[in-house]
């Protein structure tokens, strides 16, 4: 896998900000099982053992299909992005990216395939900075009962969900002539729709109050085995007080967060301990990365 030149945010996080925010028409994809994770004989056992440990502590975790990021190609001249993606699942993600063995797996991948991610799930994550009508950014304090970054403060986010597009994908695989083009468009549609669903379900805001999401860049979390995330921004037509009331009334994924936090937009894109105070120590590296990307796109996002 060709490695992009990612900017280093800290020991945990690297990110790549596009020249301009991307719309769906700026993105294409190649979705193919040849981009799936590699296996060696003992890896299935390792993943199953890790999963058993996880569900013993968090029995609410469930396995589900995910897309895997193999690579992406960005053309700076045209501001176009092409994604190469395969398939994986949440159990494999927990058993590789989140596993204590992730460093060993990355070293083995480098030795066997010259690719540190070869034996890593790399389920595609999505995250989104939501700016309210009164210029606050919505952050969530994650529950202790989630599979990733429990107790941390972060922007809303989750994963792309292949099951959400199963019927459309079935059409794409069986159609004649234009199947690859159709698969690409469905994948891109799901990429942008999945992050909007996360915003709606985690914060409990109506979809019609949100502007279409813009893709700012890609980040990788080294602490989580290089976990990839496509990072977005949107604006909401509700004020922070209105959003707080909706969040407190509970939404489809209310169990994933235990509190909602608002940070002024000017402080968000200048994140530091001095601008966000006590939130800084428990703020996820992914949130710090998306704040850096937001700052890089400030002029475009303020139009």
Protein backbone atom coordinates (compact mmCIF):
# COMPACT_ATOMS: atom_id res chain seq x y z
CA UNK A 1 0.00 0.00 0.00
CA UNK A 2 1.35 3.41 -0.93
CA UNK A 3 1.61 5.64 2.12
CA UNK A 4 0.37 9.22 1.88
CA UNK A 5 2.52 11.97 3.38
CA UNK A 6 0.46 12.62 6.49
CA UNK A 7 1.07 15.55 8.78
CA UNK A 8 2.01 14.56 12.31
CA UNK A 9 -0.28 16.03 14.95
CA UNK A 10 1.18 14.20 17.96
CA UNK A 11 2.49 10.74 18.86
CA UNK A 12 -0.97 9.27 18.28
CA UNK A 13 -2.38 11.01 15.23
CA UNK A 14 -1.44 11.83 11.65
CA UNK A 15 -3.72 13.56 9.18
CA UNK A 16 -3.96 14.63 5.54
CA UNK A 17 -6.05 17.74 4.75
CA UNK A 18 -7.25 18.20 1.18
CA UNK A 19 -6.62 21.48 -0.64
CA UNK A 20 -10.35 22.27 -0.55
CA UNK A 21 -13.31 20.54 1.14
CA UNK A 22 -14.71 17.75 -1.05
CA UNK A 23 -18.29 17.08 -2.18
CA UNK A 24 -19.49 13.64 -3.31
CA UNK A 25 -18.84 14.62 -6.93
CA UNK A 26 -15.15 15.03 -6.05
CA UNK A 27 -14.78 11.45 -4.79
CA UNK A 28 -14.62 8.08 -6.56
CA UNK A 29 -13.89 4.60 -5.27
CA UNK A 30 -12.70 1.14 -6.22
CA UNK A 31 -14.44 -1.42 -3.99
CA UNK A 32 -12.83 -4.83 -4.36
CA UNK A 33 -12.11 -7.87 -2.18
CA UNK A 34 -8.51 -7.80 -3.42
CA UNK A 35 -8.09 -4.92 -0.95
CA UNK A 36 -9.11 -7.07 2.03
CA UNK A 37 -6.81 -7.69 4.96
CA UNK A 38 -4.21 -10.48 4.76
CA UNK A 39 -4.20 -13.45 7.15
CA UNK A 40 -1.62 -15.86 8.47
CA UNK A 41 -2.70 -19.19 10.06
CA UNK A 42 -2.81 -18.09 13.72
CA UNK A 43 -4.44 -14.72 13.11
CA UNK A 44 -8.03 -16.02 13.19
CA UNK A 45 -7.37 -17.47 16.65
CA UNK A 46 -5.85 -14.22 17.90
CA UNK A 47 -8.87 -12.24 16.65
CA UNK A 48 -11.37 -14.65 18.23
CA UNK A 49 -9.54 -14.53 21.57
CA UNK A 50 -9.47 -10.72 21.54
CA UNK A 51 -13.17 -10.59 20.67
CA UNK A 52 -14.05 -12.96 23.51
CA UNK A 53 -12.23 -10.67 25.94
CA UNK A 54 -14.02 -7.62 24.59
CA UNK A 55 -17.55 -8.98 24.79
CA UNK A 56 -16.90 -10.36 28.27
CA UNK A 57 -16.35 -6.75 29.40
CA UNK A 58 -18.78 -5.07 26.99
CA UNK A 59 -21.54 -7.57 26.14
CA UNK A 60 -23.38 -4.89 24.13
CA UNK A 61 -20.69 -5.04 21.41
CA UNK A 62 -21.82 -6.79 18.24
CA UNK A 63 -20.08 -7.81 15.07
CA UNK A 64 -21.05 -6.22 11.77
CA UNK A 65 -19.61 -5.78 8.31
CA UNK A 66 -17.39 -2.76 7.60
CA UNK A 67 -15.43 -1.33 4.73
CA UNK A 68 -11.63 -1.47 4.86
CA UNK A 69 -9.38 1.36 3.73
CA UNK A 70 -6.55 -0.01 1.59
CA UNK A 71 -5.33 3.24 0.09
CA UNK A 72 -6.39 6.59 -1.28
CA UNK A 73 -5.08 8.73 -4.11
CA UNK A 74 -5.54 12.49 -4.01
CA UNK A 75 -4.98 14.73 -7.04
CA UNK A 76 -4.06 18.15 -5.71
CA UNK A 77 -4.46 19.79 -9.12
CA UNK A 78 -8.07 18.70 -9.66
CA UNK A 79 -8.98 18.33 -5.97
CA UNK A 80 -10.26 14.82 -6.64
CA UNK A 81 -10.03 11.82 -4.31
CA UNK A 82 -9.99 8.15 -5.27
CA UNK A 83 -10.47 5.55 -2.52
CA UNK A 84 -9.40 1.89 -2.70
CA UNK A 85 -11.47 -0.15 -0.26
CA UNK A 86 -12.12 -3.75 0.66
CA UNK A 87 -14.22 -5.48 3.31
CA UNK A 88 -13.75 -6.33 6.97
CA UNK A 89 -15.89 -6.53 10.11
CA UNK A 90 -16.05 -5.05 13.59
CA UNK A 91 -14.73 -8.18 15.33
CA UNK A 92 -11.62 -8.13 13.15
CA UNK A 93 -11.25 -4.39 13.80
CA UNK A 94 -11.36 -5.00 17.55
CA UNK A 95 -8.98 -7.96 17.21
CA UNK A 96 -6.35 -6.07 15.19
CA UNK A 97 -6.58 -2.26 15.35
CA UNK A 98 -7.72 -2.15 18.98
CA UNK A 99 -5.72 -5.19 20.06
CA UNK A 100 -2.66 -5.05 22.27
CA UNK A 101 -1.04 -7.08 19.47
CA UNK A 102 -1.48 -4.30 16.89
CA UNK A 103 2.19 -3.26 17.05
CA UNK A 104 3.28 -6.85 16.46
CA UNK A 105 0.83 -7.19 13.58
CA UNK A 106 2.10 -4.01 11.94
CA UNK A 107 5.71 -5.17 12.26
CA UNK A 108 4.82 -8.54 10.76
CA UNK A 109 2.94 -6.85 7.91
CA UNK A 110 5.98 -4.73 7.16
CA UNK A 111 8.19 -7.82 7.09
CA UNK A 112 5.84 -10.00 5.03
CA UNK A 113 4.31 -7.48 2.61
CA UNK A 114 6.24 -4.21 3.10
CA UNK A 115 2.89 -2.92 4.38
CA UNK A 116 2.38 -2.33 8.13
CA UNK A 117 -1.41 -2.44 7.62
CA UNK A 118 -1.48 -5.80 5.79
CA UNK A 119 -2.70 -7.72 8.88
CA UNK A 120 -4.81 -4.84 10.23
CA UNK A 121 -8.56 -4.48 9.69
CA UNK A 122 -8.51 -0.70 9.14
CA UNK A 123 -12.31 -0.46 9.19
CA UNK A 124 -13.19 2.93 7.72
CA UNK A 125 -14.26 5.41 10.37
CA UNK A 126 -16.09 8.68 9.85
CA UNK A 127 -16.24 11.75 12.08
CA UNK A 128 -17.86 15.16 11.79
CA UNK A 129 -17.51 18.62 13.27
CA UNK A 130 -20.99 20.14 13.67
CA UNK A 131 -21.14 23.94 13.93
CA UNK A 132 -24.32 25.30 15.53
CA UNK A 133 -26.29 28.36 14.46
CA UNK A 134 -24.65 30.32 17.30
CA UNK A 135 -21.11 29.23 16.28
CA UNK A 136 -20.45 26.45 18.78
CA UNK A 137 -18.92 23.09 17.85
CA UNK A 138 -20.68 20.00 19.19
CA UNK A 139 -18.54 17.56 21.19
CA UNK A 140 -19.62 14.43 23.02
CA UNK A 141 -18.22 12.80 26.14
CA UNK A 142 -18.22 9.15 25.21
CA UNK A 143 -19.73 6.52 27.45
CA UNK A 144 -17.57 4.03 29.32
CA UNK A 145 -19.54 1.28 27.55
CA UNK A 146 -18.24 1.78 24.02
CA UNK A 147 -15.61 -0.17 22.10
CA UNK A 148 -13.43 2.80 21.19
CA UNK A 149 -12.04 5.64 23.31
CA UNK A 150 -14.39 5.28 26.31
CA UNK A 151 -14.71 8.43 28.42
CA UNK A 152 -13.00 10.62 25.83
CA UNK A 153 -14.40 13.87 24.45
CA UNK A 154 -14.80 13.71 20.69
CA UNK A 155 -16.79 14.88 17.70
CA UNK A 156 -19.64 12.56 16.64
CA UNK A 157 -18.53 9.64 14.52
CA UNK A 158 -18.66 5.96 13.74
CA UNK A 159 -18.12 3.67 10.76
CA UNK A 160 -19.38 3.25 7.24
CA UNK A 161 -21.97 0.48 7.18
CA UNK A 162 -22.05 -1.90 4.17
CA UNK A 163 -25.34 -3.38 5.45
CA UNK A 164 -27.00 0.01 4.94
CA UNK A 165 -26.43 -0.33 1.21
CA UNK A 166 -26.86 -4.08 0.78
CA UNK A 167 -29.69 -3.84 -1.75
CA UNK A 168 -27.90 -1.21 -3.81
CA UNK A 169 -24.66 -3.18 -3.71
CA UNK A 170 -26.49 -6.29 -4.87
CA UNK A 171 -27.67 -4.31 -7.88
CA UNK A 172 -24.15 -3.07 -8.48
CA UNK A 173 -22.70 -6.58 -8.50
CA UNK A 174 -25.34 -7.96 -10.89
CA UNK A 175 -25.75 -5.05 -13.30
CA UNK A 176 -24.15 -5.28 -16.71
CA UNK A 177 -21.59 -2.90 -18.12
CA UNK A 178 -21.66 -0.17 -15.49
CA UNK A 179 -21.20 -2.26 -12.33
CA UNK A 180 -17.86 -0.73 -11.32
CA UNK A 181 -19.13 2.79 -11.82
CA UNK A 182 -22.30 1.97 -9.90
CA UNK A 183 -20.36 0.41 -7.02
CA UNK A 184 -18.18 3.52 -6.84
CA UNK A 185 -21.15 5.89 -6.70
CA UNK A 186 -22.93 3.80 -4.05
CA UNK A 187 -19.79 3.63 -1.92
CA UNK A 188 -19.32 7.41 -2.09
CA UNK A 189 -22.99 7.93 -1.30
CA UNK A 190 -22.65 5.74 1.79
CA UNK A 191 -19.46 7.55 2.85
CA UNK A 192 -21.26 10.90 2.98
CA UNK A 193 -24.56 9.50 4.28
CA UNK A 194 -22.98 7.45 7.07
CA UNK A 195 -21.41 10.48 8.75
CA UNK A 196 -24.71 12.37 8.54
CA UNK A 197 -26.48 9.44 10.20
CA UNK A 198 -23.91 9.52 13.01
CA UNK A 199 -24.58 13.24 13.51
CA UNK A 200 -28.32 12.64 13.59
CA UNK A 201 -28.32 9.55 15.80
CA UNK A 202 -25.61 10.48 18.32
CA UNK A 203 -26.65 14.08 18.86
CA UNK A 204 -30.38 13.56 18.15
CA UNK A 205 -30.75 16.40 15.64
CA UNK A 206 -33.11 16.16 12.65
CA UNK A 207 -31.37 15.49 9.36
CA UNK A 208 -33.15 18.45 7.75
CA UNK A 209 -31.39 20.85 10.14
CA UNK A 210 -27.96 19.79 8.84
CA UNK A 211 -26.26 21.12 5.73
CA UNK A 212 -24.62 18.56 3.40
CA UNK A 213 -21.34 17.35 4.87
CA UNK A 214 -18.02 18.41 3.35
CA UNK A 215 -15.01 16.08 3.48
CA UNK A 216 -11.97 17.82 4.99
CA UNK A 217 -9.36 15.08 5.01
CA UNK A 218 -8.21 11.70 6.32
CA UNK A 219 -6.62 10.85 9.66
CA UNK A 220 -4.88 7.79 11.10
CA UNK A 221 -4.63 6.98 14.79
CA UNK A 222 -1.35 5.19 15.52
CA UNK A 223 -2.48 4.20 19.02
CA UNK A 224 -5.38 2.32 17.41
CA UNK A 225 -3.21 0.44 14.93
CA UNK A 226 -3.38 3.20 12.33
CA UNK A 227 -7.19 3.37 12.44
CA UNK A 228 -8.35 5.45 9.45
CA UNK A 229 -11.08 8.07 9.54
CA UNK A 230 -12.60 10.29 6.89
CA UNK A 231 -13.27 13.61 8.60
CA UNK A 232 -16.09 16.00 7.74
CA UNK A 233 -17.71 19.29 8.72
CA UNK A 234 -21.31 20.50 8.59
CA UNK A 235 -23.50 23.29 9.92
CA UNK A 236 -26.69 22.87 11.94
CA UNK A 237 -29.62 25.28 11.88
CA UNK A 238 -30.22 24.81 15.63
CA UNK A 239 -28.60 26.71 18.49
CA UNK A 240 -26.47 25.00 21.11
CA UNK A 241 -29.30 25.25 23.67
CA UNK A 242 -31.75 23.62 21.24
CA UNK A 243 -29.28 20.85 20.50
CA UNK A 244 -28.58 20.30 24.20
CA UNK A 245 -32.29 19.81 24.88
CA UNK A 246 -32.62 17.35 22.01
CA UNK A 247 -29.54 15.42 23.15
CA UNK A 248 -30.86 15.19 26.72
CA UNK A 249 -34.18 13.83 25.46
CA UNK A 250 -32.30 10.82 24.07
CA UNK A 251 -31.70 9.59 20.53
CA UNK A 252 -31.11 6.28 18.74
CA UNK A 253 -27.48 6.13 19.91
CA UNK A 254 -27.77 8.06 23.18
CA UNK A 255 -26.13 5.16 25.04
CA UNK A 256 -22.83 5.92 23.31
CA UNK A 257 -22.38 9.29 25.04
CA UNK A 258 -22.84 10.47 28.61
CA UNK A 259 -22.64 14.24 28.11
CA UNK A 260 -22.65 16.93 25.44
CA UNK A 261 -20.07 19.72 25.36
CA UNK A 262 -19.93 22.91 23.30
CA UNK A 263 -16.78 24.75 22.31
CA UNK A 264 -16.80 28.10 20.50
CA UNK A 265 -15.80 27.69 16.86
CA UNK A 266 -12.87 30.11 17.23
CA UNK A 267 -11.56 28.03 20.12
CA UNK A 268 -12.15 24.76 18.25
CA UNK A 269 -9.86 25.53 15.35
CA UNK A 270 -7.27 26.87 17.81
CA UNK A 271 -7.50 23.90 20.15
CA UNK A 272 -5.18 23.98 23.12
CA UNK A 273 -5.41 23.67 26.88
CA UNK A 274 -5.78 27.45 27.11
CA UNK A 275 -8.78 27.57 24.71
CA UNK A 276 -10.76 24.55 25.93
CA UNK A 277 -9.58 24.28 29.54
CA UNK A 278 -10.28 21.01 31.36
CA UNK A 279 -11.65 19.34 28.22
CA UNK A 280 -8.17 19.23 26.72
CA UNK A 281 -6.88 16.32 28.80
CA UNK A 282 -9.67 13.95 27.74
CA UNK A 283 -10.08 15.20 24.17
CA UNK A 284 -9.47 12.48 21.60
CA UNK A 285 -6.58 12.79 19.17
CA UNK A 286 -9.06 12.38 16.31
CA UNK A 287 -10.92 15.49 17.46
CA UNK A 288 -7.67 17.44 17.60
CA UNK A 289 -6.91 16.28 14.05
CA UNK A 290 -10.28 17.34 12.67
CA UNK A 291 -9.85 20.73 14.40
CA UNK A 292 -6.53 21.16 12.57
CA UNK A 293 -8.20 20.26 9.28
CA UNK A 294 -11.05 22.65 10.01
CA UNK A 295 -8.52 25.45 10.49
CA UNK A 296 -6.84 24.55 7.19
CA UNK A 297 -10.20 24.94 5.43
CA UNK A 298 -11.39 27.96 7.39
CA UNK A 299 -11.82 30.32 4.46
CA UNK A 300 -13.83 27.82 2.42
CA UNK A 301 -16.03 26.79 5.37
CA UNK A 302 -16.83 30.40 6.33
CA UNK A 303 -18.19 31.32 2.88
